[in-house]
Every structure is written in C-alpha cells, then in structure tokens.
Amino acid sequence: MRIDCCRSCGNTLEVRKYCEVCSQPIQFICSECFHFADDPTHSECERKDQINNSSLA
C-alpha cells in the first residue's frame, strides 16, 4: 500500500526520509499541514533482513 495523499487535508505528500538500507522512501510529510506519515509497507524491507543476518555472522 503506497501513501499518496495526506490523511488530514488530502494534499500530495513529499518524501521526508529514505531508508538507509534500501533507499526507498520511509517517511512522508504534507507541505500544506505538515502532517507526517510513515510508509506501512517498509517494515517488509527486503534488504533489511539480509544486512541484519550478515552483521550477526
């Protein structure tokens, strides 16, 4: 599920923060009302598990 619109005012969201692991957007901000939103699907980051497993070895 992708976040496209602000839940508070309906304005288009802009990327605020990117994942350090996979470089995908993980946090968005509304330029109109400054509401923050996290990407709910990012918890399934494919590379996060690979990097965590390699750092444990």
C-alpha atoms as a PDB file:
ATOM      1  CA  MET A   1       0.000   0.000   0.000  1.00  0.00           C
ATOM      2  CA  ARG A   2       1.538   3.282  -1.109  1.00  0.00           C
ATOM      3  CA  ILE A   3       0.908   6.611   0.581  1.00  0.00           C
ATOM      4  CA  ASP A   4      -0.097   9.295  -1.922  1.00  0.00           C
ATOM      5  CA  CYS A   5      -2.315  11.772  -0.076  1.00  0.00           C
ATOM      6  CA  CYS A   6      -2.349  13.354   3.361  1.00  0.00           C
ATOM      7  CA  ARG A   7      -4.981  11.859   5.633  1.00  0.00           C
ATOM      8  CA  SER A   8      -5.545  15.234   7.291  1.00  0.00           C
ATOM      9  CA  CYS A   9      -6.048  17.567   4.327  1.00  0.00           C
ATOM     10  CA  GLY A  10      -5.798  15.446   1.153  1.00  0.00           C
ATOM     11  CA  ASN A  11      -2.733  17.261  -0.224  1.00  0.00           C
ATOM     12  CA  THR A  12       0.037  15.340  -2.010  1.00  0.00           C
ATOM     13  CA  LEU A  13       2.788  14.112   0.321  1.00  0.00           C
ATOM     14  CA  GLU A  14       6.513  14.683  -0.208  1.00  0.00           C
ATOM     15  CA  VAL A  15       9.290  12.285   0.807  1.00  0.00           C
ATOM     16  CA  ARG A  16      10.920  13.349   4.077  1.00  0.00           C
ATOM     17  CA  LYS A  17      13.206  10.389   4.811  1.00  0.00           C
ATOM     18  CA  TYR A  18      14.710   7.470   2.885  1.00  0.00           C
ATOM     19  CA  CYS A  19      15.740   4.032   4.174  1.00  0.00           C
ATOM     20  CA  GLU A  20      19.490   3.792   4.795  1.00  0.00           C
ATOM     21  CA  VAL A  21      19.398   0.139   3.737  1.00  0.00           C
ATOM     22  CA  CYS A  22      17.358   0.072   0.509  1.00  0.00           C
ATOM     23  CA  SER A  23      16.998   3.805  -0.307  1.00  0.00           C
ATOM     24  CA  GLN A  24      13.205   3.558  -0.587  1.00  0.00           C
ATOM     25  CA  PRO A  25      11.038   6.331   0.932  1.00  0.00           C
ATOM     26  CA  ILE A  26      10.053   5.554   4.521  1.00  0.00           C
ATOM     27  CA  GLN A  27       8.588   8.823   5.797  1.00  0.00           C
ATOM     28  CA  PHE A  28       6.457  11.459   4.102  1.00  0.00           C
ATOM     29  CA  ILE A  29       5.339  14.985   5.013  1.00  0.00           C
ATOM     30  CA  CYS A  30       2.475  17.148   3.834  1.00  0.00           C
ATOM     31  CA  SER A  31       3.655  20.574   2.651  1.00  0.00           C
ATOM     32  CA  GLU A  32       0.213  22.017   3.422  1.00  0.00           C
ATOM     33  CA  CYS A  33      -0.498  20.940   7.031  1.00  0.00           C
ATOM     34  CA  PHE A  34       2.902  19.379   7.938  1.00  0.00           C
ATOM     35  CA  HIS A  35       1.336  16.029   8.871  1.00  0.00           C
ATOM     36  CA  PHE A  36       3.882  13.170   8.962  1.00  0.00           C
ATOM     37  CA  ALA A  37       3.194   9.676   7.643  1.00  0.00           C
ATOM     38  CA  ASP A  38       5.334   6.540   7.681  1.00  0.00           C
ATOM     39  CA  ASP A  39       5.246   4.000   4.850  1.00  0.00           C
ATOM     40  CA  PRO A  40       3.483   0.967   6.397  1.00  0.00           C
ATOM     41  CA  THR A  41       4.899  -1.443   3.810  1.00  0.00           C
ATOM     42  CA  HIS A  42       8.509  -0.552   4.545  1.00  0.00           C
ATOM     43  CA  SER A  43       8.613  -2.902   7.516  1.00  0.00           C
ATOM     44  CA  GLU A  44       8.900  -5.566   4.805  1.00  0.00           C
ATOM     45  CA  CYS A  45      12.217  -4.135   3.523  1.00  0.00           C
ATOM     46  CA  GLU A  46      13.834  -6.975   1.573  1.00  0.00           C
ATOM     47  CA  ARG A  47      17.442  -5.983   2.246  1.00  0.00           C
ATOM     48  CA  LYS A  48      16.982  -5.230   5.966  1.00  0.00           C
ATOM     49  CA  ASP A  49      16.908  -8.940   6.888  1.00  0.00           C
ATOM     50  CA  GLN A  50      19.909  -9.726   4.663  1.00  0.00           C
ATOM     51  CA  ILE A  51      22.021  -6.978   6.254  1.00  0.00           C
ATOM     52  CA  ASN A  52      20.962  -7.890   9.809  1.00  0.00           C
ATOM     53  CA  ASN A  53      21.870 -11.547   9.198  1.00  0.00           C
ATOM     54  CA  SER A  54      25.281 -10.695   7.716  1.00  0.00           C
ATOM     55  CA  SER A  55      26.150  -8.388  10.619  1.00  0.00           C
ATOM     56  CA  LEU A  56      25.435 -11.204  13.103  1.00  0.00           C
ATOM     57  CA  ALA A  57      27.899 -13.561  11.400  1.00  0.00           C
END
